[in-house]
Amino acid sequence: MSANRGIWKRKRDELGIRRSALILQLNLKPEDPGLAAQLRVIDAEILECTRNMEISLPSRTLPEAREN
């Protein structure tokens, strides 16, 4: 795993923990629009981290065909 990919994964994991805590709060107060807004922001940040992790993956190239 590349260093950049590891950083994005760690950030995504931390956001996942915050998201879980917000969902618990939202279950207790479903009428609170602030919690839902915070959840949307965290979801967007998780998506950004996931995309950056995918970009950090090494690109694979096909082996060149050998001539006989």
PDB file of N, CA and C in Angstrom:
ATOM      1  N   MET A   1       0.855  -1.161   0.000  1.00  0.00           N
ATOM      2  CA  MET A   1       0.000   0.000   0.000  1.00  0.00           C
ATOM      3  C   MET A   1       0.909   1.233   0.000  1.00  0.00           C
ATOM      4  N   SER A   2       0.614   2.188  -0.861  1.00  0.00           N
ATOM      5  CA  SER A   2       1.430   3.399  -0.915  1.00  0.00           C
ATOM      6  C   SER A   2       1.155   4.259   0.320  1.00  0.00           C
ATOM      7  N   ALA A   3       2.096   5.165   0.590  1.00  0.00           N
ATOM      8  CA  ALA A   3       1.954   6.030   1.771  1.00  0.00           C
ATOM      9  C   ALA A   3       0.709   6.908   1.662  1.00  0.00           C
ATOM     10  N   ASN A   4       0.477   7.481   0.476  1.00  0.00           N
ATOM     11  CA  ASN A   4      -0.701   8.338   0.295  1.00  0.00           C
ATOM     12  C   ASN A   4      -1.984   7.558   0.514  1.00  0.00           C
ATOM     13  N   ARG A   5      -2.027   6.356  -0.015  1.00  0.00           N
ATOM     14  CA  ARG A   5      -3.230   5.529   0.127  1.00  0.00           C
ATOM     15  C   ARG A   5      -3.481   5.221   1.605  1.00  0.00           C
ATOM     16  N   GLY A   6      -2.411   4.984   2.351  1.00  0.00           N
ATOM     17  CA  GLY A   6      -2.539   4.716   3.782  1.00  0.00           C
ATOM     18  C   GLY A   6      -3.093   5.911   4.544  1.00  0.00           C
ATOM     19  N   ILE A   7      -2.669   7.110   4.145  1.00  0.00           N
ATOM     20  CA  ILE A   7      -3.167   8.327   4.794  1.00  0.00           C
ATOM     21  C   ILE A   7      -4.659   8.485   4.535  1.00  0.00           C
ATOM     22  N   TRP A   8      -5.064   8.283   3.278  1.00  0.00           N
ATOM     23  CA  TRP A   8      -6.494   8.411   2.931  1.00  0.00           C
ATOM     24  C   TRP A   8      -7.313   7.355   3.645  1.00  0.00           C
ATOM     25  N   LYS A   9      -6.774   6.143   3.778  1.00  0.00           N
ATOM     26  CA  LYS A   9      -7.511   5.065   4.451  1.00  0.00           C
ATOM     27  C   LYS A   9      -7.698   5.393   5.930  1.00  0.00           C
ATOM     28  N   ARG A  10      -6.642   5.906   6.567  1.00  0.00           N
ATOM     29  CA  ARG A  10      -6.733   6.256   7.982  1.00  0.00           C
ATOM     30  C   ARG A  10      -7.775   7.366   8.191  1.00  0.00           C
ATOM     31  N   LYS A  11      -7.755   8.373   7.312  1.00  0.00           N
ATOM     32  CA  LYS A  11      -8.725   9.463   7.431  1.00  0.00           C
ATOM     33  C   LYS A  11     -10.140   8.927   7.230  1.00  0.00           C
ATOM     34  N   ARG A  12     -10.313   8.027   6.248  1.00  0.00           N
ATOM     35  CA  ARG A  12     -11.640   7.457   6.002  1.00  0.00           C
ATOM     36  C   ARG A  12     -12.121   6.650   7.202  1.00  0.00           C
ATOM     37  N   ASP A  13     -11.212   5.903   7.818  1.00  0.00           N
ATOM     38  CA  ASP A  13     -11.574   5.122   9.010  1.00  0.00           C
ATOM     39  C   ASP A  13     -12.006   6.035  10.159  1.00  0.00           C
ATOM     40  N   GLU A  14     -11.276   7.143  10.344  1.00  0.00           N
ATOM     41  CA  GLU A  14     -11.636   8.097  11.405  1.00  0.00           C
ATOM     42  C   GLU A  14     -13.006   8.728  11.125  1.00  0.00           C
ATOM     43  N   LEU A  15     -13.254   9.051   9.864  1.00  0.00           N
ATOM     44  CA  LEU A  15     -14.559   9.608   9.497  1.00  0.00           C
ATOM     45  C   LEU A  15     -15.667   8.585   9.729  1.00  0.00           C
ATOM     46  N   GLY A  16     -15.370   7.323   9.487  1.00  0.00           N
ATOM     47  CA  GLY A  16     -16.354   6.269   9.715  1.00  0.00           C
ATOM     48  C   GLY A  16     -16.748   6.178  11.183  1.00  0.00           C
ATOM     49  N   ILE A  17     -15.782   6.379  12.062  1.00  0.00           N
ATOM     50  CA  ILE A  17     -16.069   6.363  13.503  1.00  0.00           C
ATOM     51  C   ILE A  17     -16.964   7.542  13.866  1.00  0.00           C
ATOM     52  N   ARG A  18     -16.628   8.727  13.344  1.00  0.00           N
ATOM     53  CA  ARG A  18     -17.465   9.908  13.608  1.00  0.00           C
ATOM     54  C   ARG A  18     -18.872   9.709  13.049  1.00  0.00           C
ATOM     55  N   ARG A  19     -18.962   9.085  11.878  1.00  0.00           N
ATOM     56  CA  ARG A  19     -20.262   8.841  11.231  1.00  0.00           C
ATOM     57  C   ARG A  19     -21.116   7.924  12.100  1.00  0.00           C
ATOM     58  N   SER A  20     -20.497   6.874  12.631  1.00  0.00           N
ATOM     59  CA  SER A  20     -21.235   5.939  13.487  1.00  0.00           C
ATOM     60  C   SER A  20     -21.795   6.639  14.721  1.00  0.00           C
ATOM     61  N   ALA A  21     -20.998   7.513  15.322  1.00  0.00           N
ATOM     62  CA  ALA A  21     -21.457   8.246  16.498  1.00  0.00           C
ATOM     63  C   ALA A  21     -22.627   9.166  16.134  1.00  0.00           C
ATOM     64  N   LEU A  22     -22.544   9.812  14.966  1.00  0.00           N
ATOM     65  CA  LEU A  22     -23.636  10.683  14.539  1.00  0.00           C
ATOM     66  C   LEU A  22     -24.916   9.896  14.281  1.00  0.00           C
ATOM     67  N   ILE A  23     -24.786   8.711  13.719  1.00  0.00           N
ATOM     68  CA  ILE A  23     -25.978   7.894  13.455  1.00  0.00           C
ATOM     69  C   ILE A  23     -26.660   7.521  14.770  1.00  0.00           C
ATOM     70  N   LEU A  24     -25.863   7.209  15.788  1.00  0.00           N
ATOM     71  CA  LEU A  24     -26.452   6.910  17.097  1.00  0.00           C
ATOM     72  C   LEU A  24     -27.211   8.122  17.636  1.00  0.00           C
ATOM     73  N   GLN A  25     -26.626   9.315  17.491  1.00  0.00           N
ATOM     74  CA  GLN A  25     -27.301  10.534  17.948  1.00  0.00           C
ATOM     75  C   GLN A  25     -28.566  10.794  17.128  1.00  0.00           C
ATOM     76  N   LEU A  26     -28.485  10.533  15.826  1.00  0.00           N
ATOM     77  CA  LEU A  26     -29.630  10.751  14.954  1.00  0.00           C
ATOM     78  C   LEU A  26     -30.778   9.796  15.292  1.00  0.00           C
ATOM     79  N   ASN A  27     -30.449   8.584  15.744  1.00  0.00           N
ATOM     80  CA  ASN A  27     -31.485   7.641  16.175  1.00  0.00           C
ATOM     81  C   ASN A  27     -32.215   8.146  17.423  1.00  0.00           C
ATOM     82  N   LEU A  28     -31.481   8.882  18.266  1.00  0.00           N
ATOM     83  CA  LEU A  28     -32.097   9.429  19.478  1.00  0.00           C
ATOM     84  C   LEU A  28     -32.902  10.686  19.189  1.00  0.00           C
ATOM     85  N   LYS A  29     -32.443  11.474  18.205  1.00  0.00           N
ATOM     86  CA  LYS A  29     -33.118  12.729  17.855  1.00  0.00           C
ATOM     87  C   LYS A  29     -33.309  12.816  16.345  1.00  0.00           C
ATOM     88  N   PRO A  30     -34.223  12.034  15.793  1.00  0.00           N
ATOM     89  CA  PRO A  30     -34.390  12.021  14.330  1.00  0.00           C
ATOM     90  C   PRO A  30     -34.896  13.340  13.748  1.00  0.00           C
ATOM     91  N   GLU A  31     -35.443  14.199  14.583  1.00  0.00           N
ATOM     92  CA  GLU A  31     -35.982  15.465  14.096  1.00  0.00           C
ATOM     93  C   GLU A  31     -34.908  16.554  13.985  1.00  0.00           C
ATOM     94  N   ASP A  32     -33.684  16.279  14.406  1.00  0.00           N
ATOM     95  CA  ASP A  32     -32.611  17.279  14.413  1.00  0.00           C
ATOM     96  C   ASP A  32     -31.978  17.399  13.023  1.00  0.00           C
ATOM     97  N   PRO A  33     -32.272  18.499  12.299  1.00  0.00           N
ATOM     98  CA  PRO A  33     -31.725  18.648  10.944  1.00  0.00           C
ATOM     99  C   PRO A  33     -30.220  18.896  10.944  1.00  0.00           C
ATOM    100  N   GLY A  34     -29.682  19.393  12.032  1.00  0.00           N
ATOM    101  CA  GLY A  34     -28.239  19.638  12.116  1.00  0.00           C
ATOM    102  C   GLY A  34     -27.435  18.353  12.052  1.00  0.00           C
ATOM    103  N   LEU A  35     -27.943  17.322  12.713  1.00  0.00           N
ATOM    104  CA  LEU A  35     -27.252  16.036  12.686  1.00  0.00           C
ATOM    105  C   LEU A  35     -27.247  15.446  11.275  1.00  0.00           C
ATOM    106  N   ALA A  36     -28.375  15.564  10.594  1.00  0.00           N
ATOM    107  CA  ALA A  36     -28.460  15.049   9.228  1.00  0.00           C
ATOM    108  C   ALA A  36     -27.509  15.805   8.308  1.00  0.00           C
ATOM    109  N   ALA A  37     -27.389  17.103   8.509  1.00  0.00           N
ATOM    110  CA  ALA A  37     -26.476  17.906   7.692  1.00  0.00           C
ATOM    111  C   ALA A  37     -25.023  17.495   7.940  1.00  0.00           C
ATOM    112  N   GLN A  38     -24.680  17.275   9.206  1.00  0.00           N
ATOM    113  CA  GLN A  38     -23.324  16.825   9.536  1.00  0.00           C
ATOM    114  C   GLN A  38     -23.036  15.467   8.904  1.00  0.00           C
ATOM    115  N   LEU A  39     -24.026  14.606   8.912  1.00  0.00           N
ATOM    116  CA  LEU A  39     -23.873  13.272   8.325  1.00  0.00           C
ATOM    117  C   LEU A  39     -23.605  13.369   6.826  1.00  0.00           C
ATOM    118  N   ARG A  40     -24.312  14.267   6.144  1.00  0.00           N
ATOM    119  CA  ARG A  40     -24.089  14.452   4.701  1.00  0.00           C
ATOM    120  C   ARG A  40     -22.670  14.931   4.411  1.00  0.00           C
ATOM    121  N   VAL A  41     -22.169  15.837   5.259  1.00  0.00           N
ATOM    122  CA  VAL A  41     -20.804  16.350   5.073  1.00  0.00           C
ATOM    123  C   VAL A  41     -19.789  15.223   5.254  1.00  0.00           C
ATOM    124  N   ILE A  42     -19.977  14.427   6.290  1.00  0.00           N
ATOM    125  CA  ILE A  42     -19.055  13.315   6.535  1.00  0.00           C
ATOM    126  C   ILE A  42     -19.126  12.301   5.397  1.00  0.00           C
ATOM    127  N   ASP A  43     -20.322  12.008   4.904  1.00  0.00           N
ATOM    128  CA  ASP A  43     -20.454  11.078   3.778  1.00  0.00           C
ATOM    129  C   ASP A  43     -19.697  11.579   2.554  1.00  0.00           C
ATOM    130  N   ALA A  44     -19.755  12.888   2.304  1.00  0.00           N
ATOM    131  CA  ALA A  44     -19.029  13.472   1.170  1.00  0.00           C
ATOM    132  C   ALA A  44     -17.520  13.342   1.371  1.00  0.00           C
ATOM    133  N   GLU A  45     -17.063  13.543   2.598  1.00  0.00           N
ATOM    134  CA  GLU A  45     -15.635  13.413   2.889  1.00  0.00           C
ATOM    135  C   GLU A  45     -15.170  11.967   2.759  1.00  0.00           C
ATOM    136  N   ILE A  46     -16.002  11.017   3.173  1.00  0.00           N
ATOM    137  CA  ILE A  46     -15.664   9.597   3.022  1.00  0.00           C
ATOM    138  C   ILE A  46     -15.560   9.247   1.546  1.00  0.00           C
ATOM    139  N   LEU A  47     -16.481   9.755   0.743  1.00  0.00           N
ATOM    140  CA  LEU A  47     -16.438   9.516  -0.695  1.00  0.00           C
ATOM    141  C   LEU A  47     -15.151  10.085  -1.293  1.00  0.00           C
ATOM    142  N   GLU A  48     -14.770  11.282  -0.874  1.00  0.00           N
ATOM    143  CA  GLU A  48     -13.535  11.894  -1.374  1.00  0.00           C
ATOM    144  C   GLU A  48     -12.321  11.040  -1.005  1.00  0.00           C
ATOM    145  N   CYS A  49     -12.278  10.546   0.225  1.00  0.00           N
ATOM    146  CA  CYS A  49     -11.168   9.695   0.647  1.00  0.00           C
ATOM    147  C   CYS A  49     -11.112   8.423  -0.183  1.00  0.00           C
ATOM    148  N   THR A  50     -12.266   7.814  -0.425  1.00  0.00           N
ATOM    149  CA  THR A  50     -12.319   6.583  -1.207  1.00  0.00           C
ATOM    150  C   THR A  50     -11.808   6.835  -2.629  1.00  0.00           C
ATOM    151  N   ARG A  51     -12.231   7.928  -3.230  1.00  0.00           N
ATOM    152  CA  ARG A  51     -11.761   8.261  -4.578  1.00  0.00           C
ATOM    153  C   ARG A  51     -10.258   8.497  -4.599  1.00  0.00           C
ATOM    154  N   ASN A  52      -9.742   9.189  -3.584  1.00  0.00           N
ATOM    155  CA  ASN A  52      -8.300   9.425  -3.523  1.00  0.00           C
ATOM    156  C   ASN A  52      -7.527   8.133  -3.303  1.00  0.00           C
ATOM    157  N   MET A  53      -8.100   7.203  -2.559  1.00  0.00           N
ATOM    158  CA  MET A  53      -7.460   5.901  -2.389  1.00  0.00           C
ATOM    159  C   MET A  53      -7.383   5.174  -3.728  1.00  0.00           C
ATOM    160  N   GLU A  54      -8.460   5.236  -4.508  1.00  0.00           N
ATOM    161  CA  GLU A  54      -8.463   4.577  -5.812  1.00  0.00           C
ATOM    162  C   GLU A  54      -7.446   5.205  -6.754  1.00  0.00           C
ATOM    163  N   ILE A  55      -7.305   6.533  -6.680  1.00  0.00           N
ATOM    164  CA  ILE A  55      -6.326   7.218  -7.518  1.00  0.00           C
ATOM    165  C   ILE A  55      -4.908   6.815  -7.117  1.00  0.00           C
ATOM    166  N   SER A  56      -4.693   6.546  -5.836  1.00  0.00           N
ATOM    167  CA  SER A  56      -3.361   6.203  -5.323  1.00  0.00           C
ATOM    168  C   SER A  56      -2.925   4.792  -5.686  1.00  0.00           C
ATOM    169  N   LEU A  57      -3.847   3.985  -6.195  1.00  0.00           N
ATOM    170  CA  LEU A  57      -3.470   2.627  -6.571  1.00  0.00           C
ATOM    171  C   LEU A  57      -2.509   2.674  -7.749  1.00  0.00           C
ATOM    172  N   PRO A  58      -1.493   1.824  -7.735  1.00  0.00           N
ATOM    173  CA  PRO A  58      -0.586   1.816  -8.882  1.00  0.00           C
ATOM    174  C   PRO A  58      -1.320   1.327 -10.129  1.00  0.00           C
ATOM    175  N   SER A  59      -1.036   1.981 -11.237  1.00  0.00           N
ATOM    176  CA  SER A  59      -1.700   1.552 -12.475  1.00  0.00           C
ATOM    177  C   SER A  59      -1.010   0.303 -13.000  1.00  0.00           C
ATOM    178  N   ARG A  60      -1.794  -0.579 -13.512  1.00  0.00           N
ATOM    179  CA  ARG A  60      -1.255  -1.815 -14.066  1.00  0.00           C
ATOM    180  C   ARG A  60      -1.172  -1.673 -15.572  1.00  0.00           C
ATOM    181  N   THR A  61      -0.071  -2.098 -16.090  1.00  0.00           N
ATOM    182  CA  THR A  61       0.073  -2.073 -17.531  1.00  0.00           C
ATOM    183  C   THR A  61       0.091  -3.504 -18.036  1.00  0.00           C
ATOM    184  N   LEU A  62      -0.429  -3.675 -19.210  1.00  0.00           N
ATOM    185  CA  LEU A  62      -0.435  -4.996 -19.810  1.00  0.00           C
ATOM    186  C   LEU A  62       0.962  -5.321 -20.317  1.00  0.00           C
ATOM    187  N   PRO A  63       1.396  -6.553 -20.184  1.00  0.00           N
ATOM    188  CA  PRO A  63       2.709  -6.908 -20.710  1.00  0.00           C
ATOM    189  C   PRO A  63       2.694  -6.817 -22.239  1.00  0.00           C
ATOM    190  N   GLU A  64       3.822  -6.396 -22.769  1.00  0.00           N
ATOM    191  CA  GLU A  64       3.907  -6.282 -24.214  1.00  0.00           C
ATOM    192  C   GLU A  64       3.956  -7.671 -24.833  1.00  0.00           C
ATOM    193  N   ALA A  65       3.309  -7.786 -25.973  1.00  0.00           N
ATOM    194  CA  ALA A  65       3.308  -9.075 -26.669  1.00  0.00           C
ATOM    195  C   ALA A  65       4.683  -9.303 -27.289  1.00  0.00           C
ATOM    196  N   ARG A  66       5.164 -10.535 -27.179  1.00  0.00           N
ATOM    197  CA  ARG A  66       6.469 -10.885 -27.787  1.00  0.00           C
ATOM    198  C   ARG A  66       6.238 -11.366 -29.198  1.00  0.00           C
ATOM    199  N   GLU A  67       7.135 -10.972 -30.037  1.00  0.00           N
ATOM    200  CA  GLU A  67       7.056 -11.469 -31.412  1.00  0.00           C
ATOM    201  C   GLU A  67       7.746 -12.805 -31.491  1.00  0.00           C
ATOM    202  N   ASN A  68       7.207 -13.709 -32.290  1.00  0.00           N
ATOM    203  CA  ASN A  68       7.814 -15.050 -32.448  1.00  0.00           C
ATOM    204  C   ASN A  68       8.903 -15.037 -33.446  1.00  0.00           C
TER     205      ASN A  68
END
